[in-house]
Amino acid sequence: MAPDHPTIARQLPPEQAVESSPRFARSAERLPVLKALARTPRAKRYAIRTEQTSVDWCHRFLSFAGRGAEEDLEPRDVEHCLAHLAADR
């Protein structure tokens, strides 16, 4: 089974689940917020797919915004991303 399969991912700590996912392996070091984000749904005992989807959308947004750190993001980055999803995609 793949490392991001729900059966395997549920058994791993959230940080390790993000690091072992083929989709996020390289980004996990560059974007530590992905690991931090994975802890929240896990702590609230949400479904593993909810955790994976939250991390995925955060990864997509940060990749789209192209900023180095989440502190550099502004509300216009969110507006631009949502406009892109609604109109261009």
Protein backbone atom coordinates (compact mmCIF):
# COMPACT_ATOMS: atom_id res chain seq x y z
CA MET A 1 0.00 0.00 0.00
CA ALA A 2 1.09 3.56 -0.65
CA PRO A 3 2.34 5.60 2.33
CA ASP A 4 -0.60 7.99 1.98
CA HIS A 5 -3.19 5.19 2.03
CA PRO A 6 -5.65 5.88 4.89
CA THR A 7 -4.87 2.60 6.67
CA ILE A 8 -1.15 3.37 6.82
CA ALA A 9 -1.37 7.16 7.19
CA ARG A 10 -3.64 6.86 10.24
CA GLN A 11 -0.96 4.85 12.06
CA LEU A 12 1.75 7.46 11.52
CA PRO A 13 2.18 10.69 13.49
CA PRO A 14 0.78 13.60 11.41
CA GLU A 15 4.21 15.07 10.68
CA GLN A 16 5.52 11.74 9.44
CA ALA A 17 2.38 11.18 7.35
CA VAL A 18 3.06 14.47 5.54
CA GLU A 19 6.75 13.66 5.06
CA SER A 20 6.09 10.16 3.73
CA SER A 21 3.42 11.25 1.27
CA PRO A 22 4.89 11.23 -2.25
CA ARG A 23 2.96 14.41 -3.03
CA PHE A 24 4.37 16.46 -0.14
CA ALA A 25 7.76 14.86 0.57
CA ARG A 26 9.86 17.65 -0.98
CA SER A 27 7.55 20.46 0.15
CA ALA A 28 7.38 19.30 3.77
CA GLU A 29 10.84 20.66 4.54
CA ARG A 30 10.32 23.92 2.66
CA LEU A 31 6.81 24.48 4.07
CA PRO A 32 6.74 23.45 7.76
CA VAL A 33 3.19 24.79 8.01
CA LEU A 34 2.02 21.61 6.25
CA LYS A 35 3.17 19.50 9.20
CA ALA A 36 1.63 21.90 11.68
CA LEU A 37 -1.62 21.90 9.75
CA ALA A 38 -1.78 18.09 9.80
CA ARG A 39 -1.74 18.09 13.61
CA THR A 40 -5.00 20.03 13.97
CA PRO A 41 -7.44 17.65 12.25
CA ARG A 42 -5.65 14.71 13.88
CA ALA A 43 -6.08 16.26 17.33
CA LYS A 44 -9.77 16.82 16.63
CA ARG A 45 -10.02 13.17 15.50
CA TYR A 46 -11.23 14.06 12.02
CA ALA A 47 -11.15 11.47 9.27
CA ILE A 48 -7.72 10.84 7.75
CA ARG A 49 -9.02 11.92 4.34
CA THR A 50 -10.06 15.26 5.85
CA GLU A 51 -6.52 15.71 7.17
CA GLN A 52 -5.03 14.78 3.79
CA THR A 53 -7.40 17.11 1.92
CA SER A 54 -6.64 20.03 4.25
CA VAL A 55 -2.90 19.58 3.76
CA ASP A 56 -3.40 19.19 0.00
CA TRP A 57 -5.36 22.45 -0.36
CA CYS A 58 -2.86 24.31 1.82
CA HIS A 59 -0.03 22.95 -0.34
CA ARG A 60 -1.84 24.01 -3.52
CA PHE A 61 -2.47 27.50 -2.18
CA LEU A 62 1.11 28.03 -0.98
CA SER A 63 2.45 26.73 -4.29
CA PHE A 64 0.12 29.04 -6.20
CA ALA A 65 1.04 32.06 -4.08
CA GLY A 66 4.74 31.34 -4.62
CA ARG A 67 5.83 33.14 -1.47
CA GLY A 68 8.71 31.98 0.66
CA ALA A 69 6.92 32.05 4.00
CA GLU A 70 3.33 32.08 5.12
CA GLU A 71 4.03 35.32 7.01
CA ASP A 72 4.48 37.04 3.63
CA LEU A 73 0.97 36.16 2.46
CA GLU A 74 -1.67 38.83 2.18
CA PRO A 75 -5.46 38.75 1.74
CA ARG A 76 -5.00 39.58 -1.95
CA ASP A 77 -3.13 36.27 -2.37
CA VAL A 78 -6.24 34.40 -1.19
CA GLU A 79 -8.46 36.49 -3.46
CA HIS A 80 -6.17 35.87 -6.43
CA CYS A 81 -6.09 32.10 -5.79
CA LEU A 82 -9.87 31.86 -5.42
CA ALA A 83 -10.40 33.93 -8.56
CA HIS A 84 -8.06 31.59 -10.42
CA LEU A 85 -9.98 28.53 -9.19
CA ALA A 86 -13.33 30.07 -10.12
CA ALA A 87 -12.48 31.51 -13.52
CA ASP A 88 -9.31 30.04 -14.96
CA ARG A 89 -9.48 26.48 -13.92
